């Protein structure tokens, strides 16, 4: 959730929100999922993620 909240504070989101506020935005559904741990599909994280 922190990543989402941080993302919603970025400049491009600010621009997006100001643009859709001008017109009549389409109906939108949002679904949020949260997980504390998800194993990587192949079992190991890629080296770029491991650091």
C-alpha atoms as a PDB file:
ATOM      1  CA  UNK A   1       0.000   0.000   0.000  1.00  0.00           C
ATOM      2  CA  UNK A   2       2.899   2.365   0.662  1.00  0.00           C
ATOM      3  CA  UNK A   3       4.098   1.953  -2.932  1.00  0.00           C
ATOM      4  CA  UNK A   4       0.619   2.745  -4.230  1.00  0.00           C
ATOM      5  CA  UNK A   5       0.277   5.780  -1.975  1.00  0.00           C
ATOM      6  CA  UNK A   6       3.710   7.029  -3.072  1.00  0.00           C
ATOM      7  CA  UNK A   7       2.778   6.494  -6.727  1.00  0.00           C
ATOM      8  CA  UNK A   8      -0.418   8.493  -6.310  1.00  0.00           C
ATOM      9  CA  UNK A   9       1.727  11.478  -5.211  1.00  0.00           C
ATOM     10  CA  UNK A  10       3.805  11.553  -8.431  1.00  0.00           C
ATOM     11  CA  UNK A  11       3.639  14.381 -10.986  1.00  0.00           C
ATOM     12  CA  UNK A  12       2.131  12.260 -13.773  1.00  0.00           C
ATOM     13  CA  UNK A  13      -0.746  11.205 -11.505  1.00  0.00           C
ATOM     14  CA  UNK A  14      -1.307  14.847 -10.564  1.00  0.00           C
ATOM     15  CA  UNK A  15      -1.510  15.710 -14.279  1.00  0.00           C
ATOM     16  CA  UNK A  16      -3.800  12.740 -14.992  1.00  0.00           C
ATOM     17  CA  UNK A  17      -6.194  13.682 -12.184  1.00  0.00           C
ATOM     18  CA  UNK A  18      -6.337  17.322 -13.287  1.00  0.00           C
ATOM     19  CA  UNK A  19      -7.090  16.230 -16.872  1.00  0.00           C
ATOM     20  CA  UNK A  20      -9.943  13.878 -15.970  1.00  0.00           C
ATOM     21  CA  UNK A  21     -11.410  16.469 -13.580  1.00  0.00           C
ATOM     22  CA  UNK A  22     -12.120  18.726 -16.588  1.00  0.00           C
ATOM     23  CA  UNK A  23     -14.480  16.328 -18.346  1.00  0.00           C
ATOM     24  CA  UNK A  24     -16.849  13.542 -17.449  1.00  0.00           C
ATOM     25  CA  UNK A  25     -14.558  10.584 -16.698  1.00  0.00           C
ATOM     26  CA  UNK A  26     -15.783   7.078 -17.524  1.00  0.00           C
ATOM     27  CA  UNK A  27     -16.979   4.802 -14.754  1.00  0.00           C
ATOM     28  CA  UNK A  28     -13.985   2.922 -13.394  1.00  0.00           C
ATOM     29  CA  UNK A  29     -13.701  -0.062 -11.098  1.00  0.00           C
ATOM     30  CA  UNK A  30     -10.505  -0.593  -9.121  1.00  0.00           C
ATOM     31  CA  UNK A  31      -9.503  -3.810  -7.428  1.00  0.00           C
ATOM     32  CA  UNK A  32      -6.720  -3.928  -4.862  1.00  0.00           C
ATOM     33  CA  UNK A  33      -4.900  -7.017  -3.678  1.00  0.00           C
ATOM     34  CA  UNK A  34      -2.269  -7.203  -0.994  1.00  0.00           C
ATOM     35  CA  UNK A  35       0.080 -10.036  -0.152  1.00  0.00           C
ATOM     36  CA  UNK A  36       2.840 -10.264   2.380  1.00  0.00           C
ATOM     37  CA  UNK A  37       4.830 -12.890   0.496  1.00  0.00           C
ATOM     38  CA  UNK A  38       4.627 -14.302  -2.998  1.00  0.00           C
ATOM     39  CA  UNK A  39       7.135 -16.895  -4.234  1.00  0.00           C
ATOM     40  CA  UNK A  40       8.672 -16.115  -7.612  1.00  0.00           C
ATOM     41  CA  UNK A  41       7.105 -18.401 -10.282  1.00  0.00           C
ATOM     42  CA  UNK A  42      10.401 -20.165 -11.096  1.00  0.00           C
ATOM     43  CA  UNK A  43      11.379 -20.484  -7.437  1.00  0.00           C
ATOM     44  CA  UNK A  44      14.289 -18.016  -7.394  1.00  0.00           C
ATOM     45  CA  UNK A  45      14.244 -14.257  -7.740  1.00  0.00           C
ATOM     46  CA  UNK A  46      16.094 -12.852 -10.731  1.00  0.00           C
ATOM     47  CA  UNK A  47      19.570 -11.533  -9.891  1.00  0.00           C
ATOM     48  CA  UNK A  48      18.396  -7.952 -10.618  1.00  0.00           C
ATOM     49  CA  UNK A  49      15.846  -8.265  -7.816  1.00  0.00           C
ATOM     50  CA  UNK A  50      18.144 -10.079  -5.377  1.00  0.00           C
ATOM     51  CA  UNK A  51      20.692  -7.238  -5.567  1.00  0.00           C
END
